[in-house]
Amino acid sequence: MQVSNYQDQYNVQYCDLVGLPDLCTGCEKVQQAIGQYLGALRSLGVVGVRMDAAKHMNPTELAAVLARTAGLYVFQEVIGGAGEAVMPNW
């Protein structure tokens, strides 16, 4: 099911976003793989990453992924609109 209601947090974070592939960010194996990838980038000299479409991830799952980014600057993409359930926190 596609995201269809930006006023509903569950719909925003658990429905498909314009056909993009979805990772199970709640799965330990996926969190570990992302952490290893970010570690490899860090070892190559990368100092920051952008988490695209962060508003479409469960905040608890995203926090678990970000806990594996020690030493990296992390920018999260959260585009807000009036009345939306998930908004950027300035």
Protein backbone atom coordinates (compact mmCIF):
# COMPACT_ATOMS: atom_id res chain seq x y z
CA MET A 1 0.00 0.00 0.00
CA GLN A 2 1.32 3.47 -0.91
CA VAL A 3 1.60 6.42 1.49
CA SER A 4 -1.75 8.14 1.11
CA ASN A 5 -2.33 10.12 4.31
CA TYR A 6 0.40 12.40 5.62
CA GLN A 7 -1.74 13.23 8.67
CA ASP A 8 -1.40 9.60 9.84
CA GLN A 9 2.03 8.74 11.28
CA TYR A 10 1.55 5.00 10.79
CA ASN A 11 0.63 5.51 7.12
CA VAL A 12 3.67 7.74 6.59
CA GLN A 13 6.11 5.34 8.26
CA TYR A 14 4.81 1.91 7.25
CA CYS A 15 3.38 2.31 3.76
CA ASP A 16 5.42 2.22 0.57
CA LEU A 17 6.95 5.50 -0.59
CA VAL A 18 6.54 5.87 -4.37
CA GLY A 19 7.72 2.31 -5.04
CA LEU A 20 11.10 2.69 -3.31
CA PRO A 21 12.67 -0.47 -1.88
CA ASP A 22 12.13 -0.85 1.85
CA LEU A 23 14.65 -2.17 4.36
CA CYS A 24 13.53 -3.80 7.59
CA THR A 25 15.20 -1.22 9.83
CA GLY A 26 13.69 -2.99 12.84
CA CYS A 27 15.66 -6.17 12.04
CA GLU A 28 18.98 -6.62 13.86
CA LYS A 29 20.60 -8.12 10.74
CA VAL A 30 19.70 -5.04 8.67
CA GLN A 31 20.88 -2.65 11.41
CA GLN A 32 24.16 -4.54 11.59
CA ALA A 33 24.62 -4.44 7.80
CA ILE A 34 23.95 -0.70 7.69
CA GLY A 35 26.36 -0.18 10.58
CA GLN A 36 29.08 -2.15 8.78
CA TYR A 37 28.50 -0.16 5.59
CA LEU A 38 28.70 3.15 7.47
CA GLY A 39 31.85 1.95 9.21
CA ALA A 40 33.41 1.12 5.85
CA LEU A 41 32.53 4.61 4.59
CA ARG A 42 34.05 6.16 7.72
CA SER A 43 37.28 4.17 7.15
CA LEU A 44 37.45 5.65 3.65
CA GLY A 45 37.33 9.17 5.06
CA VAL A 46 33.62 9.96 4.86
CA VAL A 47 32.64 12.33 7.68
CA GLY A 48 28.89 12.65 7.14
CA VAL A 49 25.87 10.90 5.68
CA ARG A 50 22.32 11.89 4.76
CA MET A 51 19.45 9.63 5.78
CA ASP A 52 17.05 10.11 2.89
CA ALA A 53 13.31 9.98 3.66
CA ALA A 54 13.94 9.75 7.42
CA LYS A 55 10.34 10.84 8.08
CA HIS A 56 9.22 7.53 6.57
CA MET A 57 11.12 5.46 9.17
CA ASN A 58 9.94 4.42 12.61
CA PRO A 59 11.84 6.71 15.04
CA THR A 60 12.85 3.84 17.36
CA GLU A 61 14.20 1.80 14.45
CA LEU A 62 15.99 4.83 13.01
CA ALA A 63 17.58 5.52 16.41
CA ALA A 64 18.89 1.94 16.50
CA VAL A 65 20.44 2.41 13.06
CA LEU A 66 21.91 5.80 13.99
CA ALA A 67 23.42 4.32 17.16
CA ARG A 68 25.83 2.56 14.79
CA THR A 69 27.09 5.78 13.18
CA ALA A 70 29.68 6.78 15.80
CA GLY A 71 32.00 9.42 14.46
CA LEU A 72 29.80 10.48 11.53
CA TYR A 73 27.72 13.59 11.12
CA VAL A 74 24.18 12.52 10.24
CA PHE A 75 21.66 14.65 8.40
CA GLN A 76 18.07 13.38 8.32
CA GLU A 77 15.72 14.39 5.51
CA VAL A 78 12.34 15.27 6.99
CA ILE A 79 10.24 17.52 4.78
CA GLY A 80 7.32 19.00 6.65
CA GLY A 81 3.99 20.32 5.50
CA ALA A 82 1.12 21.98 7.33
CA GLY A 83 -0.86 19.49 9.40
CA GLU A 84 1.41 16.52 8.74
CA ALA A 85 1.89 13.89 11.44
CA VAL A 86 5.70 13.79 11.06
CA MET A 87 7.45 17.14 11.07
CA PRO A 88 11.08 18.28 11.27
CA ASN A 89 12.17 19.12 14.79
CA TRP A 90 14.20 22.31 14.54
